[in-house]
C-alpha cells in the first residue's frame, strides 16, 4: 500500500485518485487503497451475492486536526464485486454490519 505523505494529506484531503464511491469495484478499491487490514464476511443478500466489509486502518490516526479522509479507520461495504456503502469507524464505536 502506498502511504501518503502528511503534506499530501493536508493539501489533498479529497483526492479524486483515492476516492471510493458506490459502484466502485473491489479491484479498483485495492488498486487505490491497497489490501485491506481486515475483511469481514457479512453473509449473502437475497439474490445470493456475497456481502463483505473491508476495514482500512487510519493512515494518520493521531493527526492534530481531523482530516476524515486520512485520520480515521474506514469500512467499505461490498455486495458482490461492488461498493454499496462506506463509513468512518471510531475506535470506541461498535462497528455496524
PDB file of N, CA and C in Angstrom:
ATOM      1  N   UNK A   1       0.842  -1.177   0.000  1.00  0.00           N
ATOM      2  CA  UNK A   1       0.000   0.000   0.000  1.00  0.00           C
ATOM      3  C   UNK A   1       0.884   1.236   0.000  1.00  0.00           C
ATOM      4  N   UNK A   2       0.552   2.165  -0.838  1.00  0.00           N
ATOM      5  CA  UNK A   2       1.288   3.430  -0.903  1.00  0.00           C
ATOM      6  C   UNK A   2       0.831   4.314   0.256  1.00  0.00           C
ATOM      7  N   UNK A   3       1.779   4.760   1.068  1.00  0.00           N
ATOM      8  CA  UNK A   3       1.464   5.618   2.210  1.00  0.00           C
ATOM      9  C   UNK A   3       1.599   7.069   1.776  1.00  0.00           C
ATOM     10  N   UNK A   4       0.557   7.816   2.003  1.00  0.00           N
ATOM     11  CA  UNK A   4       0.515   9.222   1.626  1.00  0.00           C
ATOM     12  C   UNK A   4       1.323  10.054   2.613  1.00  0.00           C
ATOM     13  N   UNK A   5       2.025  11.066   2.110  1.00  0.00           N
ATOM     14  CA  UNK A   5       2.771  11.952   3.000  1.00  0.00           C
ATOM     15  C   UNK A   5       1.805  12.876   3.739  1.00  0.00           C
ATOM     16  N   UNK A   6       2.248  13.387   4.877  1.00  0.00           N
ATOM     17  CA  UNK A   6       1.411  14.306   5.652  1.00  0.00           C
ATOM     18  C   UNK A   6       1.072  15.544   4.833  1.00  0.00           C
ATOM     19  N   UNK A   7       2.042  16.073   4.115  1.00  0.00           N
ATOM     20  CA  UNK A   7       1.796  17.257   3.287  1.00  0.00           C
ATOM     21  C   UNK A   7       0.694  16.981   2.260  1.00  0.00           C
ATOM     22  N   UNK A   8       0.771  15.830   1.599  1.00  0.00           N
ATOM     23  CA  UNK A   8      -0.246  15.497   0.598  1.00  0.00           C
ATOM     24  C   UNK A   8      -1.623  15.371   1.260  1.00  0.00           C
ATOM     25  N   UNK A   9      -1.673  14.734   2.423  1.00  0.00           N
ATOM     26  CA  UNK A   9      -2.949  14.560   3.129  1.00  0.00           C
ATOM     27  C   UNK A   9      -3.570  15.905   3.494  1.00  0.00           C
ATOM     28  N   UNK A  10      -2.730  16.854   3.901  1.00  0.00           N
ATOM     29  CA  UNK A  10      -3.238  18.163   4.299  1.00  0.00           C
ATOM     30  C   UNK A  10      -3.669  19.013   3.102  1.00  0.00           C
ATOM     31  N   UNK A  11      -3.009  18.812   1.961  1.00  0.00           N
ATOM     32  CA  UNK A  11      -3.329  19.641   0.802  1.00  0.00           C
ATOM     33  C   UNK A  11      -4.298  18.978  -0.170  1.00  0.00           C
ATOM     34  N   UNK A  12      -4.535  17.670  -0.035  1.00  0.00           N
ATOM     35  CA  UNK A  12      -5.445  16.939  -0.924  1.00  0.00           C
ATOM     36  C   UNK A  12      -6.354  16.007  -0.126  1.00  0.00           C
ATOM     37  N   UNK A  13      -7.150  16.528   0.812  1.00  0.00           N
ATOM     38  CA  UNK A  13      -7.953  15.633   1.659  1.00  0.00           C
ATOM     39  C   UNK A  13      -9.012  14.844   0.892  1.00  0.00           C
ATOM     40  N   UNK A  14      -9.420  15.285  -0.256  1.00  0.00           N
ATOM     41  CA  UNK A  14     -10.437  14.566  -1.024  1.00  0.00           C
ATOM     42  C   UNK A  14      -9.919  14.273  -2.427  1.00  0.00           C
ATOM     43  N   UNK A  15      -8.745  13.722  -2.508  1.00  0.00           N
ATOM     44  CA  UNK A  15      -8.139  13.425  -3.799  1.00  0.00           C
ATOM     45  C   UNK A  15      -9.025  12.521  -4.642  1.00  0.00           C
ATOM     46  N   UNK A  16      -9.240  12.881  -5.887  1.00  0.00           N
ATOM     47  CA  UNK A  16     -10.061  12.048  -6.763  1.00  0.00           C
ATOM     48  C   UNK A  16      -9.344  10.753  -7.125  1.00  0.00           C
ATOM     49  N   UNK A  17      -8.029  10.703  -6.969  1.00  0.00           N
ATOM     50  CA  UNK A  17      -7.296   9.474  -7.254  1.00  0.00           C
ATOM     51  C   UNK A  17      -7.562   8.389  -6.218  1.00  0.00           C
ATOM     52  N   UNK A  18      -7.939   8.774  -5.002  1.00  0.00           N
ATOM     53  CA  UNK A  18      -8.173   7.791  -3.945  1.00  0.00           C
ATOM     54  C   UNK A  18      -9.638   7.700  -3.539  1.00  0.00           C
ATOM     55  N   UNK A  19     -10.511   8.449  -4.186  1.00  0.00           N
ATOM     56  CA  UNK A  19     -11.925   8.431  -3.798  1.00  0.00           C
ATOM     57  C   UNK A  19     -12.567   7.084  -4.122  1.00  0.00           C
ATOM     58  N   UNK A  20     -13.421   6.639  -3.212  1.00  0.00           N
ATOM     59  CA  UNK A  20     -14.201   5.422  -3.406  1.00  0.00           C
ATOM     60  C   UNK A  20     -15.668   5.823  -3.285  1.00  0.00           C
ATOM     61  N   UNK A  21     -16.455   5.465  -4.288  1.00  0.00           N
ATOM     62  CA  UNK A  21     -17.880   5.786  -4.280  1.00  0.00           C
ATOM     63  C   UNK A  21     -18.676   4.504  -4.503  1.00  0.00           C
ATOM     64  N   UNK A  22     -19.990   4.588  -4.309  1.00  0.00           N
ATOM     65  CA  UNK A  22     -20.821   3.427  -4.573  1.00  0.00           C
ATOM     66  C   UNK A  22     -20.635   3.012  -6.023  1.00  0.00           C
ATOM     67  N   UNK A  23     -20.532   1.708  -6.233  1.00  0.00           N
ATOM     68  CA  UNK A  23     -20.344   1.187  -7.576  1.00  0.00           C
ATOM     69  C   UNK A  23     -18.894   0.939  -7.959  1.00  0.00           C
ATOM     70  N   UNK A  24     -17.944   1.411  -7.125  1.00  0.00           N
ATOM     71  CA  UNK A  24     -16.532   1.140  -7.383  1.00  0.00           C
ATOM     72  C   UNK A  24     -16.291  -0.362  -7.206  1.00  0.00           C
ATOM     73  N   UNK A  25     -15.502  -0.959  -8.082  1.00  0.00           N
ATOM     74  CA  UNK A  25     -15.239  -2.401  -7.989  1.00  0.00           C
ATOM     75  C   UNK A  25     -14.191  -2.692  -6.911  1.00  0.00           C
ATOM     76  N   UNK A  26     -14.169  -3.953  -6.441  1.00  0.00           N
ATOM     77  CA  UNK A  26     -13.148  -4.369  -5.467  1.00  0.00           C
ATOM     78  C   UNK A  26     -11.746  -4.158  -6.025  1.00  0.00           C
ATOM     79  N   UNK A  27     -11.555  -4.516  -7.291  1.00  0.00           N
ATOM     80  CA  UNK A  27     -10.234  -4.355  -7.894  1.00  0.00           C
ATOM     81  C   UNK A  27      -9.781  -2.899  -7.878  1.00  0.00           C
ATOM     82  N   UNK A  28     -10.713  -1.985  -8.161  1.00  0.00           N
ATOM     83  CA  UNK A  28     -10.390  -0.552  -8.140  1.00  0.00           C
ATOM     84  C   UNK A  28     -10.045  -0.085  -6.731  1.00  0.00           C
ATOM     85  N   UNK A  29     -10.805  -0.559  -5.733  1.00  0.00           N
ATOM     86  CA  UNK A  29     -10.530  -0.182  -4.336  1.00  0.00           C
ATOM     87  C   UNK A  29      -9.136  -0.649  -3.949  1.00  0.00           C
ATOM     88  N   UNK A  30      -8.801  -1.894  -4.277  1.00  0.00           N
ATOM     89  CA  UNK A  30      -7.480  -2.423  -3.936  1.00  0.00           C
ATOM     90  C   UNK A  30      -6.385  -1.672  -4.690  1.00  0.00           C
ATOM     91  N   UNK A  31      -6.654  -1.306  -5.929  1.00  0.00           N
ATOM     92  CA  UNK A  31      -5.676  -0.532  -6.701  1.00  0.00           C
ATOM     93  C   UNK A  31      -5.426   0.826  -6.061  1.00  0.00           C
ATOM     94  N   UNK A  32      -6.490   1.469  -5.559  1.00  0.00           N
ATOM     95  CA  UNK A  32      -6.371   2.808  -4.972  1.00  0.00           C
ATOM     96  C   UNK A  32      -5.862   2.779  -3.536  1.00  0.00           C
ATOM     97  N   UNK A  33      -6.330   1.813  -2.734  1.00  0.00           N
ATOM     98  CA  UNK A  33      -6.060   1.811  -1.302  1.00  0.00           C
ATOM     99  C   UNK A  33      -5.168   0.669  -0.840  1.00  0.00           C
ATOM    100  N   UNK A  34      -4.893  -0.300  -1.693  1.00  0.00           N
ATOM    101  CA  UNK A  34      -4.111  -1.461  -1.285  1.00  0.00           C
ATOM    102  C   UNK A  34      -5.005  -2.508  -0.633  1.00  0.00           C
ATOM    103  N   UNK A  35      -4.366  -3.550  -0.132  1.00  0.00           N
ATOM    104  CA  UNK A  35      -5.102  -4.623   0.534  1.00  0.00           C
ATOM    105  C   UNK A  35      -5.657  -4.110   1.863  1.00  0.00           C
ATOM    106  N   UNK A  36      -6.874  -4.529   2.231  1.00  0.00           N
ATOM    107  CA  UNK A  36      -7.451  -4.071   3.498  1.00  0.00           C
ATOM    108  C   UNK A  36      -6.719  -4.672   4.700  1.00  0.00           C
ATOM    109  N   UNK A  37      -6.833  -4.019   5.839  1.00  0.00           N
ATOM    110  CA  UNK A  37      -6.257  -4.532   7.078  1.00  0.00           C
ATOM    111  C   UNK A  37      -7.034  -5.750   7.556  1.00  0.00           C
ATOM    112  N   UNK A  38      -8.333  -5.778   7.243  1.00  0.00           N
ATOM    113  CA  UNK A  38      -9.212  -6.861   7.687  1.00  0.00           C
ATOM    114  C   UNK A  38     -10.365  -6.998   6.697  1.00  0.00           C
ATOM    115  N   UNK A  39     -10.834  -8.219   6.493  1.00  0.00           N
ATOM    116  CA  UNK A  39     -12.013  -8.475   5.671  1.00  0.00           C
ATOM    117  C   UNK A  39     -13.022  -9.214   6.546  1.00  0.00           C
ATOM    118  N   UNK A  40     -14.254  -8.677   6.613  1.00  0.00           N
ATOM    119  CA  UNK A  40     -15.310  -9.318   7.403  1.00  0.00           C
ATOM    120  C   UNK A  40     -16.366  -9.887   6.465  1.00  0.00           C
ATOM    121  N   UNK A  41     -16.680 -11.158   6.660  1.00  0.00           N
ATOM    122  CA  UNK A  41     -17.737 -11.817   5.900  1.00  0.00           C
ATOM    123  C   UNK A  41     -19.074 -11.423   6.521  1.00  0.00           C
ATOM    124  N   UNK A  42     -20.023 -10.956   5.692  1.00  0.00           N
ATOM    125  CA  UNK A  42     -21.312 -10.484   6.199  1.00  0.00           C
ATOM    126  C   UNK A  42     -22.496 -11.288   5.654  1.00  0.00           C
ATOM    127  N   UNK A  43     -22.224 -12.461   5.122  1.00  0.00           N
ATOM    128  CA  UNK A  43     -23.302 -13.312   4.623  1.00  0.00           C
ATOM    129  C   UNK A  43     -23.612 -13.041   3.156  1.00  0.00           C
ATOM    130  N   UNK A  44     -24.887 -13.264   2.793  1.00  0.00           N
ATOM    131  CA  UNK A  44     -25.325 -13.121   1.403  1.00  0.00           C
ATOM    132  C   UNK A  44     -26.614 -12.310   1.351  1.00  0.00           C
ATOM    133  N   UNK A  45     -26.819 -11.606   0.244  1.00  0.00           N
ATOM    134  CA  UNK A  45     -28.069 -10.854   0.082  1.00  0.00           C
ATOM    135  C   UNK A  45     -29.159 -11.781  -0.459  1.00  0.00           C
ATOM    136  N   UNK A  46     -30.342 -11.226  -0.729  1.00  0.00           N
ATOM    137  CA  UNK A  46     -31.490 -12.008  -1.189  1.00  0.00           C
ATOM    138  C   UNK A  46     -31.249 -12.696  -2.533  1.00  0.00           C
ATOM    139  N   UNK A  47     -30.322 -12.168  -3.317  1.00  0.00           N
ATOM    140  CA  UNK A  47     -30.038 -12.750  -4.627  1.00  0.00           C
ATOM    141  C   UNK A  47     -28.834 -13.697  -4.591  1.00  0.00           C
ATOM    142  N   UNK A  48     -28.292 -13.934  -3.400  1.00  0.00           N
ATOM    143  CA  UNK A  48     -27.171 -14.848  -3.248  1.00  0.00           C
ATOM    144  C   UNK A  48     -25.813 -14.226  -3.477  1.00  0.00           C
ATOM    145  N   UNK A  49     -25.756 -12.891  -3.559  1.00  0.00           N
ATOM    146  CA  UNK A  49     -24.463 -12.212  -3.722  1.00  0.00           C
ATOM    147  C   UNK A  49     -23.771 -12.081  -2.370  1.00  0.00           C
ATOM    148  N   UNK A  50     -22.493 -12.380  -2.350  1.00  0.00           N
ATOM    149  CA  UNK A  50     -21.710 -12.319  -1.122  1.00  0.00           C
ATOM    150  C   UNK A  50     -21.578 -10.879  -0.642  1.00  0.00           C
ATOM    151  N   UNK A  51     -21.756 -10.685   0.670  1.00  0.00           N
ATOM    152  CA  UNK A  51     -21.586  -9.367   1.285  1.00  0.00           C
ATOM    153  C   UNK A  51     -20.364  -9.431   2.194  1.00  0.00           C
ATOM    154  N   UNK A  52     -19.528  -8.401   2.117  1.00  0.00           N
ATOM    155  CA  UNK A  52     -18.372  -8.337   2.995  1.00  0.00           C
ATOM    156  C   UNK A  52     -17.978  -6.886   3.233  1.00  0.00           C
ATOM    157  N   UNK A  53     -17.137  -6.701   4.226  1.00  0.00           N
ATOM    158  CA  UNK A  53     -16.654  -5.361   4.566  1.00  0.00           C
ATOM    159  C   UNK A  53     -15.137  -5.389   4.585  1.00  0.00           C
ATOM    160  N   UNK A  54     -14.525  -4.382   3.964  1.00  0.00           N
ATOM    161  CA  UNK A  54     -13.084  -4.196   4.012  1.00  0.00           C
ATOM    162  C   UNK A  54     -12.804  -3.106   5.040  1.00  0.00           C
ATOM    163  N   UNK A  55     -11.935  -3.403   5.980  1.00  0.00           N
ATOM    164  CA  UNK A  55     -11.550  -2.436   7.010  1.00  0.00           C
ATOM    165  C   UNK A  55     -10.142  -1.937   6.682  1.00  0.00           C
ATOM    166  N   UNK A  56      -9.994  -0.616   6.620  1.00  0.00           N
ATOM    167  CA  UNK A  56      -8.690   0.010   6.389  1.00  0.00           C
ATOM    168  C   UNK A  56      -8.318   0.828   7.616  1.00  0.00           C
ATOM    169  N   UNK A  57      -7.121   0.592   8.148  1.00  0.00           N
ATOM    170  CA  UNK A  57      -6.644   1.368   9.286  1.00  0.00           C
ATOM    171  C   UNK A  57      -6.351   2.791   8.845  1.00  0.00           C
ATOM    172  N   UNK A  58      -6.463   3.711   9.790  1.00  0.00           N
ATOM    173  CA  UNK A  58      -6.188   5.129   9.513  1.00  0.00           C
ATOM    174  C   UNK A  58      -4.730   5.311   9.112  1.00  0.00           C
ATOM    175  N   UNK A  59      -4.482   6.186   8.137  1.00  0.00           N
ATOM    176  CA  UNK A  59      -3.121   6.473   7.718  1.00  0.00           C
ATOM    177  C   UNK A  59      -2.424   7.380   8.720  1.00  0.00           C
ATOM    178  N   UNK A  60      -3.162   8.349   9.272  1.00  0.00           N
ATOM    179  CA  UNK A  60      -2.617   9.296  10.234  1.00  0.00           C
ATOM    180  C   UNK A  60      -3.579   9.385  11.425  1.00  0.00           C
ATOM    181  N   UNK A  61      -3.640   8.340  12.274  1.00  0.00           N
ATOM    182  CA  UNK A  61      -4.651   8.309  13.333  1.00  0.00           C
ATOM    183  C   UNK A  61      -4.497   9.400  14.388  1.00  0.00           C
ATOM    184  N   UNK A  62      -3.314   9.971  14.532  1.00  0.00           N
ATOM    185  CA  UNK A  62      -3.093  10.982  15.568  1.00  0.00           C
ATOM    186  C   UNK A  62      -2.858  12.371  14.990  1.00  0.00           C
ATOM    187  N   UNK A  63      -3.455  12.621  13.830  1.00  0.00           N
ATOM    188  CA  UNK A  63      -3.324  13.948  13.214  1.00  0.00           C
ATOM    189  C   UNK A  63      -3.939  14.984  14.145  1.00  0.00           C
ATOM    190  N   UNK A  64      -3.302  16.163  14.300  1.00  0.00           N
ATOM    191  CA  UNK A  64      -3.820  17.175  15.224  1.00  0.00           C
ATOM    192  C   UNK A  64      -5.181  17.715  14.809  1.00  0.00           C
ATOM    193  N   UNK A  65      -5.474  17.689  13.523  1.00  0.00           N
ATOM    194  CA  UNK A  65      -6.775  18.108  13.032  1.00  0.00           C
ATOM    195  C   UNK A  65      -7.444  16.896  12.406  1.00  0.00           C
ATOM    196  N   UNK A  66      -8.767  16.877  12.393  1.00  0.00           N
ATOM    197  CA  UNK A  66      -9.475  15.712  11.877  1.00  0.00           C
ATOM    198  C   UNK A  66      -9.677  15.814  10.375  1.00  0.00           C
ATOM    199  N   UNK A  67      -8.735  15.274   9.633  1.00  0.00           N
ATOM    200  CA  UNK A  67      -8.918  15.149   8.194  1.00  0.00           C
ATOM    201  C   UNK A  67      -9.507  13.769   7.977  1.00  0.00           C
ATOM    202  N   UNK A  68     -10.847  13.711   7.875  1.00  0.00           N
ATOM    203  CA  UNK A  68     -11.567  12.437   7.884  1.00  0.00           C
ATOM    204  C   UNK A  68     -11.056  11.445   6.850  1.00  0.00           C
ATOM    205  N   UNK A  69     -10.569  11.912   5.748  1.00  0.00           N
ATOM    206  CA  UNK A  69     -10.099  11.005   4.701  1.00  0.00           C
ATOM    207  C   UNK A  69      -8.909  10.167   5.175  1.00  0.00           C
ATOM    208  N   UNK A  70      -8.115  10.692   6.112  1.00  0.00           N
ATOM    209  CA  UNK A  70      -6.866  10.029   6.466  1.00  0.00           C
ATOM    210  C   UNK A  70      -6.703   9.701   7.942  1.00  0.00           C
ATOM    211  N   UNK A  71      -7.511  10.258   8.840  1.00  0.00           N
ATOM    212  CA  UNK A  71      -7.249  10.099  10.266  1.00  0.00           C
ATOM    213  C   UNK A  71      -8.199   9.137  10.967  1.00  0.00           C
ATOM    214  N   UNK A  72      -9.085   8.485  10.238  1.00  0.00           N
ATOM    215  CA  UNK A  72      -9.991   7.516  10.851  1.00  0.00           C
ATOM    216  C   UNK A  72      -9.968   6.212  10.070  1.00  0.00           C
ATOM    217  N   UNK A  73     -10.283   5.134  10.788  1.00  0.00           N
ATOM    218  CA  UNK A  73     -10.441   3.852  10.105  1.00  0.00           C
ATOM    219  C   UNK A  73     -11.617   3.957   9.152  1.00  0.00           C
ATOM    220  N   UNK A  74     -11.548   3.221   8.053  1.00  0.00           N
ATOM    221  CA  UNK A  74     -12.624   3.202   7.067  1.00  0.00           C
ATOM    222  C   UNK A  74     -13.177   1.791   6.944  1.00  0.00           C
ATOM    223  N   UNK A  75     -14.459   1.695   6.744  1.00  0.00           N
ATOM    224  CA  UNK A  75     -15.115   0.426   6.459  1.00  0.00           C
ATOM    225  C   UNK A  75     -15.824   0.597   5.118  1.00  0.00           C
ATOM    226  N   UNK A  76     -15.490  -0.260   4.170  1.00  0.00           N
ATOM    227  CA  UNK A  76     -16.117  -0.219   2.852  1.00  0.00           C
ATOM    228  C   UNK A  76     -16.923  -1.496   2.688  1.00  0.00           C
ATOM    229  N   UNK A  77     -18.220  -1.352   2.417  1.00  0.00           N
ATOM    230  CA  UNK A  77     -19.118  -2.495   2.269  1.00  0.00           C
ATOM    231  C   UNK A  77     -19.273  -2.869   0.803  1.00  0.00           C
ATOM    232  N   UNK A  78     -19.221  -4.173   0.548  1.00  0.00           N
ATOM    233  CA  UNK A  78     -19.389  -4.702  -0.800  1.00  0.00           C
ATOM    234  C   UNK A  78     -20.559  -5.672  -0.842  1.00  0.00           C
ATOM    235  N   UNK A  79     -21.293  -5.645  -1.933  1.00  0.00           N
ATOM    236  CA  UNK A  79     -22.244  -6.693  -2.268  1.00  0.00           C
ATOM    237  C   UNK A  79     -21.806  -7.185  -3.636  1.00  0.00           C
ATOM    238  N   UNK A  80     -21.472  -8.473  -3.706  1.00  0.00           N
ATOM    239  CA  UNK A  80     -20.864  -8.976  -4.929  1.00  0.00           C
ATOM    240  C   UNK A  80     -19.493  -8.350  -5.080  1.00  0.00           C
ATOM    241  N   UNK A  81     -19.230  -7.762  -6.221  1.00  0.00           N
ATOM    242  CA  UNK A  81     -17.916  -7.186  -6.506  1.00  0.00           C
ATOM    243  C   UNK A  81     -17.890  -5.662  -6.428  1.00  0.00           C
ATOM    244  N   UNK A  82     -18.958  -5.046  -5.906  1.00  0.00           N
ATOM    245  CA  UNK A  82     -19.044  -3.583  -5.975  1.00  0.00           C
ATOM    246  C   UNK A  82     -19.366  -2.943  -4.625  1.00  0.00           C
ATOM    247  N   UNK A  83     -18.846  -1.733  -4.423  1.00  0.00           N
ATOM    248  CA  UNK A  83     -19.094  -0.969  -3.196  1.00  0.00           C
ATOM    249  C   UNK A  83     -20.572  -0.603  -3.113  1.00  0.00           C
ATOM    250  N   UNK A  84     -21.153  -0.868  -1.946  1.00  0.00           N
ATOM    251  CA  UNK A  84     -22.547  -0.486  -1.703  1.00  0.00           C
ATOM    252  C   UNK A  84     -22.679   0.493  -0.544  1.00  0.00           C
ATOM    253  N   UNK A  85     -21.576   0.750   0.155  1.00  0.00           N
ATOM    254  CA  UNK A  85     -21.614   1.709   1.251  1.00  0.00           C
ATOM    255  C   UNK A  85     -20.249   1.820   1.908  1.00  0.00           C
ATOM    256  N   UNK A  86     -20.117   2.805   2.785  1.00  0.00           N
ATOM    257  CA  UNK A  86     -18.860   3.017   3.490  1.00  0.00           C
ATOM    258  C   UNK A  86     -19.128   3.885   4.698  1.00  0.00           C
ATOM    259  N   UNK A  87     -18.215   3.825   5.671  1.00  0.00           N
ATOM    260  CA  UNK A  87     -18.340   4.650   6.872  1.00  0.00           C
ATOM    261  C   UNK A  87     -16.985   4.788   7.544  1.00  0.00           C
ATOM    262  N   UNK A  88     -16.862   5.834   8.350  1.00  0.00           N
ATOM    263  CA  UNK A  88     -15.708   6.005   9.217  1.00  0.00           C
ATOM    264  C   UNK A  88     -15.971   5.198  10.472  1.00  0.00           C
ATOM    265  N   UNK A  89     -14.919   4.658  11.058  1.00  0.00           N
ATOM    266  CA  UNK A  89     -15.050   3.885  12.290  1.00  0.00           C
ATOM    267  C   UNK A  89     -14.253   4.569  13.382  1.00  0.00           C
ATOM    268  N   UNK A  90     -14.914   4.897  14.475  1.00  0.00           N
ATOM    269  CA  UNK A  90     -14.223   5.426  15.651  1.00  0.00           C
ATOM    270  C   UNK A  90     -13.766   4.232  16.482  1.00  0.00           C
ATOM    271  N   UNK A  91     -12.603   4.334  17.102  1.00  0.00           N
ATOM    272  CA  UNK A  91     -12.092   3.221  17.900  1.00  0.00           C
ATOM    273  C   UNK A  91     -13.026   2.818  19.025  1.00  0.00           C
ATOM    274  N   UNK A  92     -13.757   3.769  19.588  1.00  0.00           N
ATOM    275  CA  UNK A  92     -14.653   3.458  20.693  1.00  0.00           C
ATOM    276  C   UNK A  92     -16.071   3.136  20.233  1.00  0.00           C
ATOM    277  N   UNK A  93     -16.301   3.112  18.934  1.00  0.00           N
ATOM    278  CA  UNK A  93     -17.629   2.855  18.385  1.00  0.00           C
ATOM    279  C   UNK A  93     -17.762   1.380  18.037  1.00  0.00           C
ATOM    280  N   UNK A  94     -18.887   0.790  18.343  1.00  0.00           N
ATOM    281  CA  UNK A  94     -19.146  -0.567  17.942  1.00  0.00           C
ATOM    282  C   UNK A  94     -19.446  -0.563  16.452  1.00  0.00           C
ATOM    283  N   UNK A  95     -18.766  -1.401  15.704  1.00  0.00           N
ATOM    284  CA  UNK A  95     -18.943  -1.421  14.253  1.00  0.00           C
ATOM    285  C   UNK A  95     -20.310  -1.988  13.898  1.00  0.00           C
ATOM    286  N   UNK A  96     -20.936  -1.405  12.880  1.00  0.00           N
ATOM    287  CA  UNK A  96     -22.229  -1.897  12.438  1.00  0.00           C
ATOM    288  C   UNK A  96     -22.048  -2.856  11.268  1.00  0.00           C
ATOM    289  N   UNK A  97     -23.018  -3.710  11.077  1.00  0.00           N
ATOM    290  CA  UNK A  97     -22.992  -4.628   9.944  1.00  0.00           C
ATOM    291  C   UNK A  97     -24.005  -4.237   8.925  1.00  0.00           C
TER     292      UNK A  97
END
